[in-house]
Amino acid sequence: MRINISKIRLRKVPDLSIQYEMEEHRTWPHVFKFSGGRSSAMLLLSLLKNRCLRPSRGDVVIFNNTSAEYPATYDFASICKRITEERYNIPFFWTEFQTYEDSRRGNWTRLPSYRLVKDHPFARNRPYGYRYKGEVFEEMLSWKQRLPNHLQRLCTQHLKLETTIRFLEDWFAFKSHTSRLGHWYRKSKVSRLRREDLERIVSYHLSTSTTRSSQKFQDYTQASHVRIRNSGIKNRAFGGTAELKGDNPVDFITLVGLRADEFQRVARVKTRNNSGLSDSNPDKLAHGEYIYTPLADHGVTKNDTMEFWKKQSWDLRIPHSVNFSNCVYCFMKGKRTLRRIIKDQSENSLPPKHQKTPVDIEWWIDIEDKYARRVASTKTGNSVTRFGFFGANSPTTYASLREDIEEEQPIFIDDSMPCDCTD
């Protein structure tokens, strides 16, 4: 669905600002991490209205597509992108994780990178559109050869956090385009693993492109090309890549839409990112990053967010009663929430184009069956267990959750967890 942006009128946008903790932060580039949700969008619209973002400073908005989002999320993010770029001239990029082939220490291997995509669905005649059938998610699983779980959120790490950092290494380097990556051979040079189980698992990402094409930033934004005029980062790029780690990294602030009622997430994010390098966070991805949470700073809660969207003529078309947000069947949502989603799906049949995609429980069942590992059990000696999305030694699988619904198993407790994909 394509909405005419010129007809959208924003009503009673909150007067939010950034409460800078240090005066020098005003000069640092501002990176807005757009999650695709209502809180994130409200914050973005508020900062745009109050002219808190400036393109010449290097400010940018980023949406990381996992290819497993609820379809309405893409429509919503597209509207926000067009408002941001067409009304306020701030670049808003959509990125996707991807791998490419190169040689390291004499061996051919697959390395992680990213690509820019446009805000329309991928198709044979539209090859630069976003993926929505789980392709990006599965490429990461095939590359890592295992599934994420509550303790190892590989999807958040690789599809979002590290993808953003790789984008910023290019963006802050004052480049007009990304570099071509990968070898020049026509076929894959990576040796396929001979073990039958691993060969089946890695087959997906080895079948994708061996290269990452060069892309012009201007081709992926409707904002007019504005040259970054930030002297504070100009001399921190070497070999066409901005330095985000080391003794002289690019300093920048990151803006995320965490609210005041998400105080645990706010505290965790700020503790990890704003305390500088220490023994508690030696793996900090960007040494010069500083996190701000304006919604939390202004006391904005979920109720405030919902009241804001009730006043608008457009909204994220996701039911409030069912948590479809972000990856629809994310294992972090908890069994109770997942059962509700499965039940809703069973009562409202999916359109054919969404069947066997991440909107469909069958996709998650197939993915878990394909990528779950067999590992030694920690409960019984000399035995193996299945290590899936819900960890080892767990009876819970996506197939068992569907069976619970089919057998109408009662749900007594709410074990849902926050879906912390931006943390």
Protein backbone atom coordinates (compact mmCIF):
# COMPACT_ATOMS: atom_id res chain seq x y z
CA MET A 1 0.00 0.00 0.00
CA ARG A 2 1.44 3.35 -1.09
CA ILE A 3 0.29 6.44 0.82
CA ASN A 4 0.54 9.96 -0.55
CA ILE A 5 2.98 11.58 1.87
CA SER A 6 1.83 15.09 1.00
CA LYS A 7 -1.59 14.31 2.49
CA ILE A 8 -0.27 13.13 5.84
CA ARG A 9 -0.71 15.61 8.68
CA LEU A 10 1.11 14.89 11.90
CA ARG A 11 -1.03 15.79 14.91
CA LYS A 12 0.16 16.76 18.38
CA VAL A 13 3.71 15.56 17.94
CA PRO A 14 5.44 15.62 21.37
CA ASP A 15 7.95 18.38 21.96
CA LEU A 16 10.88 16.06 22.60
CA SER A 17 14.52 17.01 22.45
CA ILE A 18 17.90 15.48 23.22
CA GLN A 19 19.10 16.24 26.72
CA TYR A 20 22.82 16.30 26.03
CA GLU A 21 25.02 15.13 28.88
CA MET A 22 28.07 16.84 27.39
CA GLU A 23 28.16 19.94 25.22
CA GLU A 24 30.52 18.30 22.71
CA HIS A 25 27.85 15.70 21.90
CA ARG A 26 25.95 18.35 19.94
CA THR A 27 28.68 18.26 17.28
CA TRP A 28 28.89 14.48 16.98
CA PRO A 29 27.02 12.72 14.14
CA HIS A 30 23.62 11.45 15.26
CA VAL A 31 22.65 7.89 14.26
CA PHE A 32 18.98 7.02 14.68
CA LYS A 33 18.34 3.27 14.92
CA PHE A 34 14.81 2.76 13.60
CA SER A 35 13.27 -0.47 14.87
CA GLY A 36 10.10 -0.38 12.78
CA GLY A 37 7.83 0.01 15.81
CA ARG A 38 5.49 2.73 17.07
CA SER A 39 7.76 4.06 19.83
CA SER A 40 10.72 4.36 17.50
CA ALA A 41 8.60 6.15 14.89
CA MET A 42 7.12 8.59 17.40
CA LEU A 43 10.59 9.53 18.61
CA LEU A 44 11.85 9.98 15.07
CA LEU A 45 8.93 12.23 14.10
CA SER A 46 9.40 14.27 17.27
CA LEU A 47 13.11 14.84 16.66
CA LEU A 48 12.45 15.72 13.03
CA LYS A 49 9.78 18.24 13.98
CA ASN A 50 12.13 19.90 16.48
CA ARG A 51 15.00 19.97 13.95
CA CYS A 52 17.24 17.82 16.15
CA LEU A 53 18.77 16.04 13.13
CA ARG A 54 21.07 17.72 10.60
CA PRO A 55 22.39 16.07 7.42
CA SER A 56 25.57 18.17 7.23
CA ARG A 57 26.65 16.83 10.64
CA GLY A 58 26.50 13.29 9.24
CA ASP A 59 23.15 12.39 10.82
CA VAL A 60 21.46 9.32 9.41
CA VAL A 61 18.53 6.97 10.09
CA ILE A 62 19.04 3.20 9.73
CA PHE A 63 16.54 0.33 9.51
CA ASN A 64 18.08 -3.17 9.55
CA ASN A 65 15.86 -5.62 7.69
CA THR A 66 15.98 -9.18 9.01
CA SER A 67 13.64 -10.40 6.22
CA ALA A 68 11.45 -11.84 8.99
CA GLU A 69 9.36 -8.77 9.85
CA TYR A 70 5.57 -8.61 9.90
CA PRO A 71 4.45 -7.30 6.46
CA ALA A 72 2.83 -4.17 7.92
CA THR A 73 6.19 -3.22 9.44
CA TYR A 74 7.62 -2.70 5.96
CA ASP A 75 4.72 -0.43 4.95
CA PHE A 76 5.08 1.56 8.16
CA ALA A 77 8.87 1.89 7.82
CA SER A 78 8.46 2.99 4.21
CA ILE A 79 6.13 5.84 5.21
CA CYS A 80 8.54 6.95 7.93
CA LYS A 81 11.43 6.84 5.47
CA ARG A 82 9.59 9.00 2.94
CA ILE A 83 8.56 11.57 5.57
CA THR A 84 12.12 11.72 6.90
CA GLU A 85 13.69 12.22 3.49
CA GLU A 86 11.10 14.19 1.54
CA ARG A 87 10.07 16.61 4.30
CA TYR A 88 13.26 16.92 6.34
CA ASN A 89 16.05 15.91 3.94
CA ILE A 90 17.57 13.42 6.38
CA PRO A 91 18.88 10.21 4.71
CA PHE A 92 17.09 7.05 5.85
CA PHE A 93 18.77 3.83 4.72
CA TRP A 94 17.51 0.25 4.77
CA THR A 95 20.28 -2.32 5.15
CA GLU A 96 20.51 -6.11 5.01
CA PHE A 97 23.17 -8.55 6.18
CA GLN A 98 24.93 -10.48 3.43
CA THR A 99 28.09 -12.52 2.98
CA TYR A 100 30.73 -12.55 0.26
CA GLU A 101 33.78 -14.67 -0.59
CA ASP A 102 37.39 -13.69 -0.13
CA SER A 103 40.73 -15.22 0.77
CA ARG A 104 42.11 -15.13 4.30
CA ARG A 105 45.49 -16.68 5.18
CA GLY A 106 45.49 -18.60 1.93
CA ASN A 107 42.02 -20.09 2.36
CA TRP A 108 38.78 -19.11 0.66
CA THR A 109 36.06 -18.20 3.13
CA ARG A 110 32.79 -16.32 3.55
CA LEU A 111 32.91 -12.97 5.31
CA PRO A 112 30.02 -10.84 6.66
CA SER A 113 29.01 -7.53 5.13
CA TYR A 114 25.82 -5.61 4.29
CA ARG A 115 23.92 -4.24 1.32
CA LEU A 116 21.62 -1.28 0.82
CA VAL A 117 18.06 -2.01 -0.31
CA LYS A 118 15.10 0.06 -1.46
CA ASP A 119 11.74 0.22 0.28
CA HIS A 120 9.88 -2.02 -2.13
CA PRO A 121 9.81 -5.85 -2.12
CA PHE A 122 12.53 -7.83 -3.86
CA ALA A 123 11.48 -9.37 -7.16
CA ARG A 124 13.19 -10.62 -10.28
CA ASN A 125 12.48 -7.33 -12.04
CA ARG A 126 13.25 -5.30 -8.86
CA PRO A 127 16.53 -6.83 -7.63
CA TYR A 128 17.37 -3.97 -5.28
CA GLY A 129 14.24 -4.31 -3.14
CA TYR A 130 14.11 -5.65 0.40
CA ARG A 131 13.83 -9.38 1.19
CA TYR A 132 10.80 -10.54 3.16
CA LYS A 133 10.75 -14.34 2.85
CA GLY A 134 13.44 -15.08 5.45
CA GLU A 135 16.33 -15.03 2.98
CA VAL A 136 18.57 -12.75 5.05
CA PHE A 137 17.81 -14.60 8.27
CA GLU A 138 18.60 -17.97 6.72
CA GLU A 139 21.82 -16.74 5.12
CA MET A 140 23.04 -15.78 8.60
CA LEU A 141 22.00 -19.18 10.04
CA SER A 142 23.75 -21.06 7.25
CA TRP A 143 26.89 -18.93 7.69
CA LYS A 144 26.99 -19.45 11.48
CA GLN A 145 25.88 -23.11 11.20
CA ARG A 146 23.59 -22.84 14.21
CA LEU A 147 20.45 -21.22 15.56
CA PRO A 148 20.25 -18.24 17.91
CA ASN A 149 18.74 -18.68 21.37
CA HIS A 150 18.05 -16.70 24.55
CA LEU A 151 21.71 -16.68 25.55
CA GLN A 152 23.27 -16.24 22.11
CA ARG A 153 21.19 -13.80 20.07
CA LEU A 154 23.11 -14.24 16.85
CA CYS A 155 20.32 -12.59 14.87
CA THR A 156 20.55 -9.35 16.87
CA GLN A 157 24.34 -9.39 16.76
CA HIS A 158 24.82 -10.04 13.05
CA LEU A 159 21.62 -8.81 11.38
CA LYS A 160 21.38 -5.56 13.34
CA LEU A 161 24.30 -4.45 15.54
CA GLU A 162 27.24 -5.48 13.37
CA THR A 163 25.42 -4.61 10.13
CA THR A 164 24.92 -1.06 11.43
CA ILE A 165 28.61 -0.75 12.33
CA ARG A 166 29.74 -1.88 8.88
CA PHE A 167 27.40 0.65 7.29
CA LEU A 168 28.75 3.45 9.50
CA GLU A 169 32.34 2.56 8.59
CA ASP A 170 31.41 3.52 5.02
CA TRP A 171 29.05 6.39 5.84
CA PHE A 172 31.48 8.26 8.10
CA ALA A 173 34.30 7.86 5.57
CA PHE A 174 32.83 10.66 3.39
CA LYS A 175 32.27 8.14 0.58
CA SER A 176 29.67 8.47 -2.17
CA HIS A 177 29.41 4.71 -2.61
CA THR A 178 30.23 1.39 -0.98
CA SER A 179 33.15 -0.71 -2.22
CA ARG A 180 32.84 -3.85 -4.27
CA LEU A 181 33.75 -6.88 -2.15
CA GLY A 182 34.58 -10.44 -3.15
CA HIS A 183 36.67 -12.28 -5.73
CA TRP A 184 36.28 -12.05 -9.51
CA TYR A 185 35.72 -15.76 -10.18
CA ARG A 186 32.36 -16.73 -11.62
CA LYS A 187 31.85 -19.65 -9.25
CA SER A 188 32.27 -20.20 -5.52
CA LYS A 189 35.79 -21.00 -4.34
CA VAL A 190 34.84 -22.16 -0.86
CA SER A 191 35.27 -25.89 -0.34
CA ARG A 192 32.03 -27.51 0.72
CA LEU A 193 32.17 -29.45 3.97
CA ARG A 194 32.12 -33.22 3.53
CA ARG A 195 30.21 -34.10 6.68
CA GLU A 196 26.67 -34.75 5.51
CA ASP A 197 24.93 -32.75 8.25
CA LEU A 198 27.16 -29.68 7.91
CA GLU A 199 27.10 -29.76 4.11
CA ARG A 200 23.31 -29.56 4.25
CA ILE A 201 23.40 -26.69 6.74
CA VAL A 202 25.92 -24.49 4.92
CA SER A 203 24.42 -25.01 1.48
CA TYR A 204 22.17 -21.96 1.68
CA HIS A 205 24.72 -19.17 2.14
CA LEU A 206 27.17 -20.82 -0.26
CA SER A 207 24.49 -20.60 -2.94
CA THR A 208 24.16 -16.81 -2.58
CA SER A 209 26.25 -14.24 -4.43
CA THR A 210 30.01 -14.49 -3.96
CA THR A 211 30.37 -10.70 -4.22
CA ARG A 212 28.96 -7.54 -2.70
CA SER A 213 28.37 -5.01 -5.47
CA SER A 214 29.34 -1.37 -5.13
CA GLN A 215 26.32 0.81 -4.39
CA LYS A 216 25.85 4.58 -4.54
CA PHE A 217 24.32 6.00 -1.38
CA GLN A 218 22.30 8.48 -3.42
CA ASP A 219 20.50 5.64 -5.21
CA TYR A 220 18.97 4.52 -1.92
CA THR A 221 17.71 7.77 -0.46
CA GLN A 222 15.31 10.50 -1.58
CA ALA A 223 17.15 13.05 0.54
CA SER A 224 19.22 15.37 -1.59
CA HIS A 225 22.88 14.53 -1.40
CA VAL A 226 24.33 16.66 1.37
CA ARG A 227 28.06 16.52 1.88
CA ILE A 228 29.05 15.81 5.47
CA ARG A 229 30.78 18.90 6.81
CA ASN A 230 31.78 17.54 10.18
CA SER A 231 35.43 18.39 10.77
CA GLY A 232 35.44 16.23 13.89
CA ILE A 233 35.35 13.01 11.85
CA LYS A 234 36.97 14.05 8.58
CA ASN A 235 40.45 12.83 9.49
CA ARG A 236 39.33 9.53 11.02
CA ALA A 237 39.00 7.52 7.82
CA PHE A 238 41.86 5.41 6.48
CA GLY A 239 41.83 3.38 3.30
CA GLY A 240 38.26 4.42 2.58
CA THR A 241 36.94 3.16 5.94
CA ALA A 242 36.12 5.20 9.03
CA GLU A 243 37.81 4.09 12.24
CA LEU A 244 35.21 3.04 14.81
CA LYS A 245 37.65 1.26 17.12
CA GLY A 246 41.08 2.05 18.49
CA ASP A 247 42.70 5.11 19.99
CA ASN A 248 41.10 7.66 17.67
CA PRO A 249 37.60 6.40 16.76
CA VAL A 250 34.76 8.41 15.24
CA ASP A 251 32.63 9.77 18.08
CA PHE A 252 28.90 9.62 17.47
CA ILE A 253 25.66 9.39 19.42
CA THR A 254 23.05 6.72 18.83
CA LEU A 255 19.35 7.44 19.35
CA VAL A 256 17.02 4.55 20.22
CA GLY A 257 13.29 4.54 20.99
CA LEU A 258 13.35 2.89 24.42
CA ARG A 259 10.66 4.25 26.75
CA ALA A 260 10.57 5.14 30.45
CA ASP A 261 8.65 1.92 31.24
CA GLU A 262 11.51 -0.10 29.73
CA PHE A 263 13.92 1.02 32.43
CA GLN A 264 15.79 -2.29 32.59
CA ARG A 265 16.60 -2.17 28.88
CA VAL A 266 17.56 1.50 29.14
CA ALA A 267 19.90 0.79 32.04
CA ARG A 268 21.45 -2.21 30.30
CA VAL A 269 22.06 -0.36 27.03
CA LYS A 270 23.56 2.71 28.70
CA THR A 271 25.74 0.68 31.05
CA ARG A 272 27.17 -1.33 28.19
CA ASN A 273 27.70 1.54 25.75
CA ASN A 274 28.22 4.72 27.77
CA SER A 275 30.77 3.57 30.33
CA GLY A 276 33.67 3.48 27.90
CA LEU A 277 35.93 0.49 27.39
CA SER A 278 36.35 -1.70 30.44
CA ASP A 279 36.54 -5.30 31.51
CA SER A 280 32.72 -5.38 31.50
CA ASN A 281 32.40 -4.46 27.82
CA PRO A 282 35.67 -5.33 26.03
CA ASP A 283 33.78 -6.24 22.86
CA LYS A 284 32.10 -2.88 22.37
CA LEU A 285 31.56 -2.60 18.63
CA ALA A 286 32.17 1.14 18.31
CA HIS A 287 34.49 2.73 20.86
CA GLY A 288 33.17 6.25 20.23
CA GLU A 289 29.45 5.45 20.45
CA TYR A 290 27.27 7.10 23.12
CA ILE A 291 23.60 6.09 23.57
CA TYR A 292 20.69 8.45 24.14
CA THR A 293 17.09 7.43 24.92
CA PRO A 294 15.00 10.62 24.63
CA LEU A 295 11.67 8.88 25.23
CA ALA A 296 12.88 7.52 28.55
CA ASP A 297 14.51 10.84 29.46
CA HIS A 298 11.17 12.62 28.95
CA GLY A 299 9.17 9.99 30.86
CA VAL A 300 7.28 8.71 27.81
CA THR A 301 5.56 5.34 28.38
CA LYS A 302 3.74 2.82 26.21
CA ASN A 303 0.40 4.46 27.01
CA ASP A 304 1.73 7.82 25.80
CA THR A 305 2.86 6.18 22.59
CA MET A 306 -0.51 4.55 21.97
CA GLU A 307 -2.33 7.84 22.64
CA PHE A 308 -0.10 9.57 20.10
CA TRP A 309 -0.94 7.09 17.35
CA LYS A 310 -4.67 7.28 18.08
CA LYS A 311 -4.51 10.92 16.97
CA GLN A 312 -2.85 10.13 13.63
CA SER A 313 -4.53 9.33 10.32
CA TRP A 314 -2.09 6.46 9.76
CA ASP A 315 -0.52 3.85 12.00
CA LEU A 316 1.38 0.58 12.12
CA ARG A 317 -1.26 -1.91 10.97
CA ILE A 318 -0.52 -4.51 13.62
CA PRO A 319 -3.23 -5.55 16.11
CA HIS A 320 -2.59 -4.30 19.64
CA SER A 321 -3.88 -7.56 21.11
CA VAL A 322 -1.23 -9.79 19.51
CA ASN A 323 2.52 -9.09 19.58
CA PHE A 324 3.38 -9.45 15.89
CA SER A 325 6.08 -6.78 16.09
CA ASN A 326 9.59 -7.28 14.69
CA CYS A 327 10.31 -10.93 13.81
CA VAL A 328 6.85 -12.43 14.10
CA TYR A 329 7.80 -15.68 15.81
CA CYS A 330 10.92 -14.46 17.64
CA PHE A 331 11.84 -16.97 20.36
CA MET A 332 12.43 -14.05 22.79
CA LYS A 333 8.68 -13.39 22.94
CA GLY A 334 8.05 -16.39 25.16
CA LYS A 335 5.81 -19.41 24.76
CA ARG A 336 2.58 -17.73 25.85
CA THR A 337 2.91 -14.93 23.29
CA LEU A 338 3.98 -17.35 20.56
CA ARG A 339 0.96 -19.55 21.19
CA ARG A 340 -1.31 -16.53 20.88
CA ILE A 341 0.27 -15.67 17.53
CA ILE A 342 -0.12 -19.25 16.30
CA LYS A 343 -3.75 -19.30 17.46
CA ASP A 344 -4.48 -16.01 15.70
CA GLN A 345 -2.91 -17.38 12.53
CA SER A 346 -4.96 -20.59 12.73
CA GLU A 347 -8.15 -18.52 12.99
CA ASN A 348 -7.17 -16.08 10.23
CA SER A 349 -5.69 -17.89 7.24
CA LEU A 350 -2.63 -16.36 5.62
CA PRO A 351 -2.72 -15.01 2.08
CA PRO A 352 -0.87 -17.34 -0.36
CA LYS A 353 2.04 -14.89 -0.77
CA HIS A 354 2.82 -15.08 2.95
CA GLN A 355 2.66 -18.85 3.30
CA LYS A 356 6.03 -20.52 3.98
CA THR A 357 7.52 -17.14 4.92
CA PRO A 358 8.47 -15.97 8.47
CA VAL A 359 4.86 -14.86 8.99
CA ASP A 360 3.95 -18.54 8.85
CA ILE A 361 4.74 -20.90 11.77
CA GLU A 362 5.56 -23.59 9.20
CA TRP A 363 8.62 -21.58 8.09
CA TRP A 364 9.98 -21.54 11.64
CA ILE A 365 9.31 -25.25 12.11
CA ASP A 366 11.21 -26.05 8.91
CA ILE A 367 14.11 -23.72 9.80
CA GLU A 368 14.44 -25.19 13.30
CA ASP A 369 14.37 -28.72 11.91
CA LYS A 370 17.05 -27.85 9.36
CA TYR A 371 19.49 -25.92 11.56
CA ALA A 372 19.05 -27.44 15.03
CA ARG A 373 22.27 -29.14 16.19
CA ARG A 374 22.82 -32.44 17.96
CA VAL A 375 24.95 -31.83 21.07
CA ALA A 376 25.95 -33.74 24.17
CA SER A 377 23.25 -33.64 26.84
CA THR A 378 24.03 -31.98 30.16
CA LYS A 379 21.29 -33.94 31.91
CA THR A 380 22.07 -37.53 31.04
CA GLY A 381 25.48 -38.99 30.38
CA ASN A 382 26.53 -40.44 27.01
CA SER A 383 23.48 -39.05 25.24
CA VAL A 384 22.76 -36.29 22.79
CA THR A 385 20.07 -33.63 22.72
CA ARG A 386 18.61 -31.29 20.14
CA PHE A 387 19.83 -27.67 20.38
CA GLY A 388 17.19 -25.46 18.78
CA PHE A 389 15.85 -21.93 19.17
CA PHE A 390 14.91 -22.65 22.78
CA GLY A 391 18.28 -24.12 23.77
CA ALA A 392 19.49 -27.63 24.58
CA ASN A 393 17.55 -30.09 26.73
CA SER A 394 14.39 -28.07 26.10
CA PRO A 395 11.15 -29.85 25.15
CA THR A 396 9.94 -26.65 23.50
CA THR A 397 10.17 -26.38 19.73
CA TYR A 398 8.08 -24.44 17.22
CA ALA A 399 6.47 -27.73 16.25
CA SER A 400 5.51 -28.44 19.88
CA LEU A 401 4.02 -24.95 20.23
CA ARG A 402 1.82 -25.59 17.22
CA GLU A 403 0.79 -28.96 18.66
CA ASP A 404 -0.19 -27.24 21.94
CA ILE A 405 -2.62 -25.06 20.01
CA GLU A 406 -4.01 -28.00 18.04
CA GLU A 407 -4.56 -29.92 21.28
CA GLU A 408 -5.88 -26.77 23.04
CA GLN A 409 -3.40 -26.96 25.91
CA PRO A 410 -4.20 -24.38 28.64
CA ILE A 411 -1.71 -21.58 29.32
CA PHE A 412 -1.39 -20.64 32.97
CA ILE A 413 1.54 -18.21 33.12
CA ASP A 414 2.87 -15.37 31.05
CA ASP A 415 6.51 -16.21 30.38
CA SER A 416 6.93 -13.67 27.60
CA MET A 417 10.21 -11.81 27.42
CA PRO A 418 10.95 -8.42 25.86
CA CYS A 419 12.01 -8.63 22.25
CA ASP A 420 15.29 -6.76 22.67
CA CYS A 421 16.39 -6.66 19.03
CA THR A 422 17.96 -3.20 19.29
CA ASP A 423 19.92 -3.86 22.52
